[in-house]
Amino acid sequence: MSHAADAEIVGVNWGSSNFRAWRIAGDGSMVDEIAAATGVAALSRDGMVETIAMLAARWPDHGPIYASGMIGSNIGWVEAPYAIAPAGVADLARAAIPVEIAGRRVRIVPGIACRRAFDDAPDILRGEEIELLGLMERAPGDGIAALPGTHTKWVRHEAGCVGEFLTAMSGEIFDRLTAQGLLASIVEGDAAEGPAFQDGVARGRAGGLGLSSLLFGARARVIRGDLTRADAASYIRGLLIGAEIADALTAFPEMRERVVPLIGNGPLSRLYAAALGAVGIEAMLVESRLACLLGFRALHRASLE
């Protein structure tokens, strides 16, 4: 058992747009990495076979393969039903589905579904469970964590389990609004921390006007000279993150008394950290890759028990 637990493994994060795989040593460190723009949304089943064949060709002596993300969705290889929160590493290991792709055995990890107590609404995640397992491996204890991204997750974790969570689409909204449509015409440059960003955070968090009115107001501010085009992206991102933090505090009021780990993209996580700091909440940045490596190792150990 000890030898098997310490053996090298392969962890795969296979999303809609991208494929990322890591060869992981027994201590959780990375031996090698593959990254490709071969997400499942653009692949046929033959394309998925080719992707795993590519992995096997690069790592012919690979160990057990664990795959998370959209590969386990209804557009992936096989749909892995969601584990029900609260769910820990043992629950996910038991619910993983063994399949064969390109002649290689792959265990597809399920996502997690919850129903929140504060509003009795359902929510789902798929792929982020690995990062959360890694976080709980790295920093045991209860708390609230956030995973900034296209669809940001705010998650309560307790006693080694993923509990309730809240998803916000602010990343996708920002990307779409600043790439095309009316607001795209006022934006120059990327969002950055600074007075315009913090102004947006404060207005988004304050409530009052709805978010759609606040967003159109960004255009009016630029047209009327109250906001520069160079600051428009920062202000818009601030509005969205500020409104998101207000929602997260409604769902998880204890967050005010906690250090909030932020798992994900560094520049975006730093914006979230700045926004949280404005309301007196300390944040801690956690690299996504590190969390994934530790999460896959924890999953492998649990699968051997």
C-alpha atoms as a PDB file:
ATOM      1  CA  MET A   1       0.000   0.000   0.000  1.00  0.00           C
ATOM      2  CA  SER A   2       2.790   2.411   0.919  1.00  0.00           C
ATOM      3  CA  HIS A   3       4.624   1.785  -2.361  1.00  0.00           C
ATOM      4  CA  ALA A   4       1.424   2.288  -4.378  1.00  0.00           C
ATOM      5  CA  ALA A   5       0.562   5.453  -2.474  1.00  0.00           C
ATOM      6  CA  ASP A   6       3.987   6.939  -3.209  1.00  0.00           C
ATOM      7  CA  ALA A   7       4.087   5.961  -6.886  1.00  0.00           C
ATOM      8  CA  GLU A   8       4.060   8.605  -9.612  1.00  0.00           C
ATOM      9  CA  ILE A   9       0.594   9.475 -10.920  1.00  0.00           C
ATOM     10  CA  VAL A  10      -0.883  11.618 -13.687  1.00  0.00           C
ATOM     11  CA  GLY A  11      -3.435  14.313 -12.926  1.00  0.00           C
ATOM     12  CA  VAL A  12      -5.455  15.817 -15.774  1.00  0.00           C
ATOM     13  CA  ASN A  13      -7.500  19.004 -15.676  1.00  0.00           C
ATOM     14  CA  TRP A  14      -9.550  18.745 -18.886  1.00  0.00           C
ATOM     15  CA  GLY A  15     -11.853  21.686 -19.334  1.00  0.00           C
ATOM     16  CA  SER A  16     -14.023  22.998 -22.135  1.00  0.00           C
ATOM     17  CA  SER A  17     -11.175  24.956 -23.752  1.00  0.00           C
ATOM     18  CA  ASN A  18      -7.909  23.524 -22.458  1.00  0.00           C
ATOM     19  CA  PHE A  19      -6.149  20.299 -21.527  1.00  0.00           C
ATOM     20  CA  ARG A  20      -3.532  20.296 -18.831  1.00  0.00           C
ATOM     21  CA  ALA A  21      -1.792  17.244 -17.416  1.00  0.00           C
ATOM     22  CA  TRP A  22       0.864  16.823 -14.757  1.00  0.00           C
ATOM     23  CA  ARG A  23       3.142  13.920 -13.974  1.00  0.00           C
ATOM     24  CA  ILE A  24       3.223  14.049 -10.179  1.00  0.00           C
ATOM     25  CA  ALA A  25       5.856  12.599  -7.849  1.00  0.00           C
ATOM     26  CA  GLY A  26       5.074  10.873  -4.575  1.00  0.00           C
ATOM     27  CA  ASP A  27       5.814  14.042  -2.594  1.00  0.00           C
ATOM     28  CA  GLY A  28       3.359  16.080  -4.669  1.00  0.00           C
ATOM     29  CA  SER A  29       5.971  17.850  -6.769  1.00  0.00           C
ATOM     30  CA  MET A  30       5.661  18.165 -10.541  1.00  0.00           C
ATOM     31  CA  VAL A  31       7.850  15.967 -12.718  1.00  0.00           C
ATOM     32  CA  ASP A  32       6.537  17.167 -16.090  1.00  0.00           C
ATOM     33  CA  GLU A  33       3.601  19.086 -17.549  1.00  0.00           C
ATOM     34  CA  ILE A  34       1.558  19.065 -20.749  1.00  0.00           C
ATOM     35  CA  ALA A  35      -0.651  21.995 -21.767  1.00  0.00           C
ATOM     36  CA  ALA A  36      -2.686  22.119 -24.970  1.00  0.00           C
ATOM     37  CA  ALA A  37      -5.683  23.998 -26.361  1.00  0.00           C
ATOM     38  CA  THR A  38      -7.593  20.728 -26.784  1.00  0.00           C
ATOM     39  CA  GLY A  39     -10.596  21.244 -24.540  1.00  0.00           C
ATOM     40  CA  VAL A  40     -13.459  18.780 -24.759  1.00  0.00           C
ATOM     41  CA  ALA A  41     -15.877  21.318 -26.255  1.00  0.00           C
ATOM     42  CA  ALA A  42     -13.935  21.265 -29.526  1.00  0.00           C
ATOM     43  CA  LEU A  43     -13.172  17.524 -29.626  1.00  0.00           C
ATOM     44  CA  SER A  44     -14.968  14.486 -30.986  1.00  0.00           C
ATOM     45  CA  ARG A  45     -14.440  11.194 -29.181  1.00  0.00           C
ATOM     46  CA  ASP A  46     -11.662  10.457 -31.644  1.00  0.00           C
ATOM     47  CA  GLY A  47     -10.069  13.747 -30.661  1.00  0.00           C
ATOM     48  CA  MET A  48     -10.189  12.778 -26.984  1.00  0.00           C
ATOM     49  CA  VAL A  49      -8.553   9.461 -27.860  1.00  0.00           C
ATOM     50  CA  GLU A  50      -5.792  11.301 -29.725  1.00  0.00           C
ATOM     51  CA  THR A  51      -5.177  13.571 -26.742  1.00  0.00           C
ATOM     52  CA  ILE A  52      -4.722  10.690 -24.302  1.00  0.00           C
ATOM     53  CA  ALA A  53      -2.585   8.858 -26.884  1.00  0.00           C
ATOM     54  CA  MET A  54      -0.375  11.950 -27.017  1.00  0.00           C
ATOM     55  CA  LEU A  55      -0.047  11.869 -23.224  1.00  0.00           C
ATOM     56  CA  ALA A  56       0.833   8.163 -23.266  1.00  0.00           C
ATOM     57  CA  ALA A  57       3.428   8.693 -25.996  1.00  0.00           C
ATOM     58  CA  ARG A  58       5.161  11.367 -23.929  1.00  0.00           C
ATOM     59  CA  TRP A  59       4.889   9.396 -20.683  1.00  0.00           C
ATOM     60  CA  PRO A  60       4.867   5.725 -21.764  1.00  0.00           C
ATOM     61  CA  ASP A  61       5.620   4.534 -18.209  1.00  0.00           C
ATOM     62  CA  HIS A  62       2.927   6.706 -16.622  1.00  0.00           C
ATOM     63  CA  GLY A  63       1.198   5.731 -13.395  1.00  0.00           C
ATOM     64  CA  PRO A  64      -2.540   5.888 -12.594  1.00  0.00           C
ATOM     65  CA  ILE A  65      -4.377   8.632 -14.494  1.00  0.00           C
ATOM     66  CA  TYR A  66      -7.018  10.803 -12.787  1.00  0.00           C
ATOM     67  CA  ALA A  67      -9.004  13.277 -14.908  1.00  0.00           C
ATOM     68  CA  SER A  68     -11.192  16.116 -13.655  1.00  0.00           C
ATOM     69  CA  GLY A  69     -13.230  18.841 -15.300  1.00  0.00           C
ATOM     70  CA  MET A  70     -15.512  18.812 -18.307  1.00  0.00           C
ATOM     71  CA  ILE A  71     -14.231  15.424 -19.456  1.00  0.00           C
ATOM     72  CA  GLY A  72     -16.737  14.125 -16.886  1.00  0.00           C
ATOM     73  CA  SER A  73     -19.628  16.264 -18.132  1.00  0.00           C
ATOM     74  CA  ASN A  74     -22.345  15.601 -20.695  1.00  0.00           C
ATOM     75  CA  ILE A  75     -19.989  16.903 -23.420  1.00  0.00           C
ATOM     76  CA  GLY A  76     -17.048  14.804 -22.223  1.00  0.00           C
ATOM     77  CA  TRP A  77     -16.102  11.144 -22.470  1.00  0.00           C
ATOM     78  CA  VAL A  78     -18.679   9.985 -19.931  1.00  0.00           C
ATOM     79  CA  GLU A  79     -20.882  11.902 -17.521  1.00  0.00           C
ATOM     80  CA  ALA A  80     -19.731  11.432 -13.945  1.00  0.00           C
ATOM     81  CA  PRO A  81     -22.674  12.228 -11.634  1.00  0.00           C
ATOM     82  CA  TYR A  82     -21.998  14.960  -9.098  1.00  0.00           C
ATOM     83  CA  ALA A  83     -21.040  13.982  -5.566  1.00  0.00           C
ATOM     84  CA  ILE A  84     -23.370  15.658  -3.080  1.00  0.00           C
ATOM     85  CA  ALA A  85     -21.955  18.163  -0.618  1.00  0.00           C
ATOM     86  CA  PRO A  86     -20.611  17.921   1.957  1.00  0.00           C
ATOM     87  CA  ALA A  87     -18.089  15.824   0.037  1.00  0.00           C
ATOM     88  CA  GLY A  88     -14.523  14.954   0.967  1.00  0.00           C
ATOM     89  CA  VAL A  89     -11.686  13.177  -0.752  1.00  0.00           C
ATOM     90  CA  ALA A  90     -13.011   9.697   0.117  1.00  0.00           C
ATOM     91  CA  ASP A  91     -16.421  10.545  -1.385  1.00  0.00           C
ATOM     92  CA  LEU A  92     -14.822  11.740  -4.620  1.00  0.00           C
ATOM     93  CA  ALA A  93     -12.524   8.720  -4.833  1.00  0.00           C
ATOM     94  CA  ARG A  94     -15.485   6.342  -4.416  1.00  0.00           C
ATOM     95  CA  ALA A  95     -17.541   8.191  -7.043  1.00  0.00           C
ATOM     96  CA  ALA A  96     -14.771   8.347  -9.671  1.00  0.00           C
ATOM     97  CA  ILE A  97     -15.657   6.419 -12.817  1.00  0.00           C
ATOM     98  CA  PRO A  98     -13.057   4.090 -14.372  1.00  0.00           C
ATOM     99  CA  VAL A  99     -12.985   4.224 -18.177  1.00  0.00           C
ATOM    100  CA  GLU A 100     -10.616   3.305 -20.965  1.00  0.00           C
ATOM    101  CA  ILE A 101      -9.443   5.954 -23.436  1.00  0.00           C
ATOM    102  CA  ALA A 102      -6.845   5.149 -26.098  1.00  0.00           C
ATOM    103  CA  GLY A 103      -6.225   1.850 -24.350  1.00  0.00           C
ATOM    104  CA  ARG A 104      -5.330   3.626 -21.103  1.00  0.00           C
ATOM    105  CA  ARG A 105      -7.260   3.321 -17.870  1.00  0.00           C
ATOM    106  CA  VAL A 106      -8.469   6.703 -16.678  1.00  0.00           C
ATOM    107  CA  ARG A 107     -10.459   7.468 -13.527  1.00  0.00           C
ATOM    108  CA  ILE A 108     -12.847  10.381 -14.175  1.00  0.00           C
ATOM    109  CA  VAL A 109     -13.483  12.464 -11.069  1.00  0.00           C
ATOM    110  CA  PRO A 110     -17.002  13.762 -10.429  1.00  0.00           C
ATOM    111  CA  GLY A 111     -17.821  17.346  -9.629  1.00  0.00           C
ATOM    112  CA  ILE A 112     -19.819  18.390  -6.571  1.00  0.00           C
ATOM    113  CA  ALA A 113     -23.395  19.651  -6.225  1.00  0.00           C
ATOM    114  CA  CYS A 114     -24.797  21.518  -3.237  1.00  0.00           C
ATOM    115  CA  ARG A 115     -27.979  23.194  -2.052  1.00  0.00           C
ATOM    116  CA  ARG A 116     -27.232  26.327  -0.088  1.00  0.00           C
ATOM    117  CA  ALA A 117     -28.903  26.842   3.284  1.00  0.00           C
ATOM    118  CA  PHE A 118     -29.261  30.627   3.041  1.00  0.00           C
ATOM    119  CA  ASP A 119     -31.342  30.687  -0.157  1.00  0.00           C
ATOM    120  CA  ASP A 120     -32.212  27.003  -0.780  1.00  0.00           C
ATOM    121  CA  ALA A 121     -30.692  27.265  -4.270  1.00  0.00           C
ATOM    122  CA  PRO A 122     -28.663  24.563  -6.023  1.00  0.00           C
ATOM    123  CA  ASP A 123     -25.153  25.070  -7.339  1.00  0.00           C
ATOM    124  CA  ILE A 124     -22.566  22.907  -9.101  1.00  0.00           C
ATOM    125  CA  LEU A 125     -18.841  22.779  -9.716  1.00  0.00           C
ATOM    126  CA  ARG A 126     -16.687  20.503 -11.844  1.00  0.00           C
ATOM    127  CA  GLY A 127     -12.899  20.617 -11.873  1.00  0.00           C
ATOM    128  CA  GLU A 128     -12.484  22.976  -8.917  1.00  0.00           C
ATOM    129  CA  GLU A 129     -12.900  20.051  -6.499  1.00  0.00           C
ATOM    130  CA  ILE A 130      -9.277  19.046  -7.133  1.00  0.00           C
ATOM    131  CA  GLU A 131      -7.957  22.496  -6.213  1.00  0.00           C
ATOM    132  CA  LEU A 132     -10.105  22.471  -3.093  1.00  0.00           C
ATOM    133  CA  LEU A 133      -8.763  19.061  -2.077  1.00  0.00           C
ATOM    134  CA  GLY A 134      -5.269  20.474  -2.517  1.00  0.00           C
ATOM    135  CA  LEU A 135      -6.102  23.514  -0.404  1.00  0.00           C
ATOM    136  CA  MET A 136      -7.460  21.348   2.403  1.00  0.00           C
ATOM    137  CA  GLU A 137      -4.343  19.166   2.146  1.00  0.00           C
ATOM    138  CA  ARG A 138      -2.064  22.196   2.367  1.00  0.00           C
ATOM    139  CA  ALA A 139      -3.986  24.097   5.029  1.00  0.00           C
ATOM    140  CA  PRO A 140      -6.288  21.836   7.065  1.00  0.00           C
ATOM    141  CA  GLY A 141      -9.085  23.549   8.924  1.00  0.00           C
ATOM    142  CA  ASP A 142     -12.427  25.176   8.269  1.00  0.00           C
ATOM    143  CA  GLY A 143     -12.903  28.320   6.238  1.00  0.00           C
ATOM    144  CA  ILE A 144     -14.101  30.104   3.123  1.00  0.00           C
ATOM    145  CA  ALA A 145     -12.074  29.938  -0.082  1.00  0.00           C
ATOM    146  CA  ALA A 146     -12.520  31.606  -3.459  1.00  0.00           C
ATOM    147  CA  LEU A 147     -11.435  30.422  -6.896  1.00  0.00           C
ATOM    148  CA  PRO A 148     -11.379  33.532  -9.126  1.00  0.00           C
ATOM    149  CA  GLY A 149     -11.928  32.836 -12.801  1.00  0.00           C
ATOM    150  CA  THR A 150     -14.481  32.851 -15.586  1.00  0.00           C
ATOM    151  CA  HIS A 151     -17.020  31.431 -13.136  1.00  0.00           C
ATOM    152  CA  THR A 152     -15.707  32.298  -9.686  1.00  0.00           C
ATOM    153  CA  LYS A 153     -16.521  29.936  -6.825  1.00  0.00           C
ATOM    154  CA  TRP A 154     -16.893  30.959  -3.173  1.00  0.00           C
ATOM    155  CA  VAL A 155     -16.722  27.816  -1.071  1.00  0.00           C
ATOM    156  CA  ARG A 156     -17.211  26.881   2.570  1.00  0.00           C
ATOM    157  CA  HIS A 157     -15.030  23.932   3.556  1.00  0.00           C
ATOM    158  CA  GLU A 158     -15.418  22.181   6.890  1.00  0.00           C
ATOM    159  CA  ALA A 159     -13.906  19.060   8.467  1.00  0.00           C
ATOM    160  CA  GLY A 160     -12.060  18.165   5.283  1.00  0.00           C
ATOM    161  CA  CYS A 161     -15.178  18.427   3.109  1.00  0.00           C
ATOM    162  CA  VAL A 162     -16.420  20.829   0.444  1.00  0.00           C
ATOM    163  CA  GLY A 163     -19.702  22.206   1.739  1.00  0.00           C
ATOM    164  CA  GLU A 164     -21.915  24.960   0.378  1.00  0.00           C
ATOM    165  CA  PHE A 165     -20.676  27.171  -2.441  1.00  0.00           C
ATOM    166  CA  LEU A 166     -21.733  30.107  -4.592  1.00  0.00           C
ATOM    167  CA  THR A 167     -20.843  30.644  -8.258  1.00  0.00           C
ATOM    168  CA  ALA A 168     -20.576  34.090  -9.866  1.00  0.00           C
ATOM    169  CA  MET A 169     -20.274  34.593 -13.646  1.00  0.00           C
ATOM    170  CA  SER A 170     -18.557  37.962 -13.307  1.00  0.00           C
ATOM    171  CA  GLY A 171     -15.428  36.794 -15.159  1.00  0.00           C
ATOM    172  CA  GLU A 172     -17.429  35.728 -18.208  1.00  0.00           C
ATOM    173  CA  ILE A 173     -19.544  38.885 -18.047  1.00  0.00           C
ATOM    174  CA  PHE A 174     -16.406  41.042 -17.972  1.00  0.00           C
ATOM    175  CA  ASP A 175     -14.827  39.175 -20.879  1.00  0.00           C
ATOM    176  CA  ARG A 176     -17.920  39.440 -23.038  1.00  0.00           C
ATOM    177  CA  LEU A 177     -18.781  43.047 -22.217  1.00  0.00           C
ATOM    178  CA  THR A 178     -15.265  44.302 -22.884  1.00  0.00           C
ATOM    179  CA  ALA A 179     -14.796  42.266 -26.085  1.00  0.00           C
ATOM    180  CA  GLN A 180     -17.930  43.278 -27.956  1.00  0.00           C
ATOM    181  CA  GLY A 181     -20.983  45.467 -27.576  1.00  0.00           C
ATOM    182  CA  LEU A 182     -21.439  48.959 -26.228  1.00  0.00           C
ATOM    183  CA  LEU A 183     -18.941  48.819 -23.367  1.00  0.00           C
ATOM    184  CA  ALA A 184     -16.177  47.464 -25.599  1.00  0.00           C
ATOM    185  CA  SER A 185     -16.115  50.844 -27.330  1.00  0.00           C
ATOM    186  CA  ILE A 186     -15.038  52.672 -24.145  1.00  0.00           C
ATOM    187  CA  VAL A 187     -12.347  50.256 -22.954  1.00  0.00           C
ATOM    188  CA  GLU A 188      -8.630  50.706 -23.554  1.00  0.00           C
ATOM    189  CA  GLY A 189      -6.158  48.410 -21.814  1.00  0.00           C
ATOM    190  CA  ASP A 190      -6.498  45.827 -19.052  1.00  0.00           C
ATOM    191  CA  ALA A 191      -7.997  46.081 -15.597  1.00  0.00           C
ATOM    192  CA  ALA A 192      -5.552  46.997 -12.845  1.00  0.00           C
ATOM    193  CA  GLU A 193      -5.697  47.767  -9.133  1.00  0.00           C
ATOM    194  CA  GLY A 194      -5.978  51.474  -8.418  1.00  0.00           C
ATOM    195  CA  PRO A 195      -8.477  54.252  -7.651  1.00  0.00           C
ATOM    196  CA  ALA A 196     -10.805  53.443 -10.583  1.00  0.00           C
ATOM    197  CA  PHE A 197     -10.901  49.766  -9.643  1.00  0.00           C
ATOM    198  CA  GLN A 198     -11.562  50.523  -5.966  1.00  0.00           C
ATOM    199  CA  ASP A 199     -14.272  53.028  -6.914  1.00  0.00           C
ATOM    200  CA  GLY A 200     -15.948  50.299  -8.933  1.00  0.00           C
ATOM    201  CA  VAL A 201     -15.614  47.823  -6.062  1.00  0.00           C
ATOM    202  CA  ALA A 202     -17.223  50.257  -3.621  1.00  0.00           C
ATOM    203  CA  ARG A 203     -20.126  51.052  -5.947  1.00  0.00           C
ATOM    204  CA  GLY A 204     -20.690  47.413  -6.870  1.00  0.00           C
ATOM    205  CA  ARG A 205     -20.658  46.327  -3.236  1.00  0.00           C
ATOM    206  CA  ALA A 206     -22.888  49.146  -1.975  1.00  0.00           C
ATOM    207  CA  GLY A 207     -26.090  47.940  -3.639  1.00  0.00           C
ATOM    208  CA  GLY A 208     -28.751  50.486  -4.479  1.00  0.00           C
ATOM    209  CA  LEU A 209     -28.788  50.463  -8.263  1.00  0.00           C
ATOM    210  CA  GLY A 210     -28.790  47.075  -9.960  1.00  0.00           C
ATOM    211  CA  LEU A 211     -25.658  45.822 -11.642  1.00  0.00           C
ATOM    212  CA  SER A 212     -27.015  46.349 -15.163  1.00  0.00           C
ATOM    213  CA  SER A 213     -27.579  50.050 -14.439  1.00  0.00           C
ATOM    214  CA  LEU A 214     -24.157  50.407 -12.858  1.00  0.00           C
ATOM    215  CA  LEU A 215     -22.530  48.798 -15.890  1.00  0.00           C
ATOM    216  CA  PHE A 216     -24.220  51.147 -18.342  1.00  0.00           C
ATOM    217  CA  GLY A 217     -23.181  53.953 -16.045  1.00  0.00           C
ATOM    218  CA  ALA A 218     -19.550  53.124 -16.870  1.00  0.00           C
ATOM    219  CA  ARG A 219     -20.208  54.207 -20.461  1.00  0.00           C
ATOM    220  CA  ALA A 220     -21.904  57.395 -19.321  1.00  0.00           C
ATOM    221  CA  ARG A 221     -18.929  58.197 -17.091  1.00  0.00           C
ATOM    222  CA  VAL A 222     -16.501  57.887 -19.996  1.00  0.00           C
ATOM    223  CA  ILE A 223     -18.686  59.874 -22.404  1.00  0.00           C
ATOM    224  CA  ARG A 224     -19.165  62.653 -19.840  1.00  0.00           C
ATOM    225  CA  GLY A 225     -15.478  62.759 -18.891  1.00  0.00           C
ATOM    226  CA  ASP A 226     -15.804  61.355 -15.340  1.00  0.00           C
ATOM    227  CA  LEU A 227     -13.785  58.252 -16.240  1.00  0.00           C
ATOM    228  CA  THR A 228     -10.932  57.799 -18.722  1.00  0.00           C
ATOM    229  CA  ARG A 229     -10.936  55.030 -21.307  1.00  0.00           C
ATOM    230  CA  ALA A 230      -7.673  53.775 -19.788  1.00  0.00           C
ATOM    231  CA  ASP A 231      -9.463  53.291 -16.445  1.00  0.00           C
ATOM    232  CA  ALA A 232     -12.726  51.901 -17.819  1.00  0.00           C
ATOM    233  CA  ALA A 233     -11.728  48.209 -17.675  1.00  0.00           C
ATOM    234  CA  SER A 234     -10.573  48.638 -14.079  1.00  0.00           C
ATOM    235  CA  TYR A 235     -13.814  50.342 -13.078  1.00  0.00           C
ATOM    236  CA  ILE A 236     -15.992  47.709 -14.786  1.00  0.00           C
ATOM    237  CA  ARG A 237     -14.014  44.832 -13.263  1.00  0.00           C
ATOM    238  CA  GLY A 238     -14.351  46.551  -9.893  1.00  0.00           C
ATOM    239  CA  LEU A 239     -18.121  46.854 -10.235  1.00  0.00           C
ATOM    240  CA  LEU A 240     -18.418  43.148 -10.970  1.00  0.00           C
ATOM    241  CA  ILE A 241     -16.072  41.989  -8.221  1.00  0.00           C
ATOM    242  CA  GLY A 242     -17.641  44.375  -5.706  1.00  0.00           C
ATOM    243  CA  ALA A 243     -21.130  43.029  -6.412  1.00  0.00           C
ATOM    244  CA  GLU A 244     -19.765  39.491  -6.194  1.00  0.00           C
ATOM    245  CA  ILE A 245     -18.181  40.130  -2.791  1.00  0.00           C
ATOM    246  CA  ALA A 246     -21.484  41.525  -1.539  1.00  0.00           C
ATOM    247  CA  ASP A 247     -23.175  38.274  -2.589  1.00  0.00           C
ATOM    248  CA  ALA A 248     -20.427  36.169  -1.005  1.00  0.00           C
ATOM    249  CA  LEU A 249     -20.779  38.033   2.294  1.00  0.00           C
ATOM    250  CA  THR A 250     -24.516  37.407   2.228  1.00  0.00           C
ATOM    251  CA  ALA A 251     -23.907  33.691   1.746  1.00  0.00           C
ATOM    252  CA  PHE A 252     -20.925  33.431   4.095  1.00  0.00           C
ATOM    253  CA  PRO A 253     -20.965  36.278   6.642  1.00  0.00           C
ATOM    254  CA  GLU A 254     -18.249  34.556   8.702  1.00  0.00           C
ATOM    255  CA  MET A 255     -15.869  35.412   5.862  1.00  0.00           C
ATOM    256  CA  ARG A 256     -15.301  38.785   7.524  1.00  0.00           C
ATOM    257  CA  GLU A 257     -13.408  37.047  10.329  1.00  0.00           C
ATOM    258  CA  ARG A 258     -11.321  34.709   8.155  1.00  0.00           C
ATOM    259  CA  VAL A 259      -8.278  34.796   5.930  1.00  0.00           C
ATOM    260  CA  VAL A 260      -9.661  33.879   2.504  1.00  0.00           C
ATOM    261  CA  PRO A 261      -7.448  31.714   0.256  1.00  0.00           C
ATOM    262  CA  LEU A 262      -7.660  32.714  -3.411  1.00  0.00           C
ATOM    263  CA  ILE A 263      -6.830  29.824  -5.740  1.00  0.00           C
ATOM    264  CA  GLY A 264      -6.181  30.582  -9.384  1.00  0.00           C
ATOM    265  CA  ASN A 265      -4.780  33.045 -11.891  1.00  0.00           C
ATOM    266  CA  GLY A 266      -2.264  35.346 -10.196  1.00  0.00           C
ATOM    267  CA  PRO A 267      -3.205  38.759 -11.667  1.00  0.00           C
ATOM    268  CA  LEU A 268      -6.947  38.159 -11.246  1.00  0.00           C
ATOM    269  CA  SER A 269      -6.484  36.796  -7.721  1.00  0.00           C
ATOM    270  CA  ARG A 270      -4.531  39.928  -6.811  1.00  0.00           C
ATOM    271  CA  LEU A 271      -7.485  42.067  -7.910  1.00  0.00           C
ATOM    272  CA  TYR A 272      -9.769  39.998  -5.685  1.00  0.00           C
ATOM    273  CA  ALA A 273      -7.287  40.361  -2.817  1.00  0.00           C
ATOM    274  CA  ALA A 274      -7.297  44.151  -3.254  1.00  0.00           C
ATOM    275  CA  ALA A 275     -11.106  44.215  -3.334  1.00  0.00           C
ATOM    276  CA  LEU A 276     -11.355  42.065  -0.212  1.00  0.00           C
ATOM    277  CA  GLY A 277      -8.754  44.222   1.511  1.00  0.00           C
ATOM    278  CA  ALA A 278     -10.975  47.253   0.951  1.00  0.00           C
ATOM    279  CA  VAL A 279     -13.597  45.689   3.235  1.00  0.00           C
ATOM    280  CA  GLY A 280     -11.038  44.557   5.809  1.00  0.00           C
ATOM    281  CA  ILE A 281     -10.770  40.922   4.727  1.00  0.00           C
ATOM    282  CA  GLU A 282      -7.294  39.432   4.431  1.00  0.00           C
ATOM    283  CA  ALA A 283      -6.618  37.153   1.468  1.00  0.00           C
ATOM    284  CA  MET A 284      -3.938  34.536   0.804  1.00  0.00           C
ATOM    285  CA  LEU A 285      -2.898  33.661  -2.760  1.00  0.00           C
ATOM    286  CA  VAL A 286      -2.567  29.962  -3.586  1.00  0.00           C
ATOM    287  CA  GLU A 287      -1.146  28.872  -6.932  1.00  0.00           C
ATOM    288  CA  SER A 288      -3.668  26.801  -8.887  1.00  0.00           C
ATOM    289  CA  ARG A 289      -1.072  24.311 -10.123  1.00  0.00           C
ATOM    290  CA  LEU A 290       0.211  23.617  -6.607  1.00  0.00           C
ATOM    291  CA  ALA A 291      -3.340  23.044  -5.376  1.00  0.00           C
ATOM    292  CA  CYS A 292      -3.999  20.649  -8.268  1.00  0.00           C
ATOM    293  CA  LEU A 293      -0.830  18.639  -7.635  1.00  0.00           C
ATOM    294  CA  LEU A 294      -1.666  18.206  -3.952  1.00  0.00           C
ATOM    295  CA  GLY A 295      -5.323  17.511  -4.716  1.00  0.00           C
ATOM    296  CA  PHE A 296      -4.575  14.717  -7.170  1.00  0.00           C
ATOM    297  CA  ARG A 297      -2.125  13.137  -4.707  1.00  0.00           C
ATOM    298  CA  ALA A 298      -4.762  13.206  -1.970  1.00  0.00           C
ATOM    299  CA  LEU A 299      -7.286  11.652  -4.349  1.00  0.00           C
ATOM    300  CA  HIS A 300      -4.846   8.885  -5.290  1.00  0.00           C
ATOM    301  CA  ARG A 301      -4.176   7.991  -1.649  1.00  0.00           C
ATOM    302  CA  ALA A 302      -7.906   7.894  -0.909  1.00  0.00           C
ATOM    303  CA  SER A 303      -8.536   5.636  -3.910  1.00  0.00           C
ATOM    304  CA  LEU A 304      -6.197   3.019  -2.422  1.00  0.00           C
ATOM    305  CA  GLU A 305      -7.998   2.835   0.925  1.00  0.00           C
END
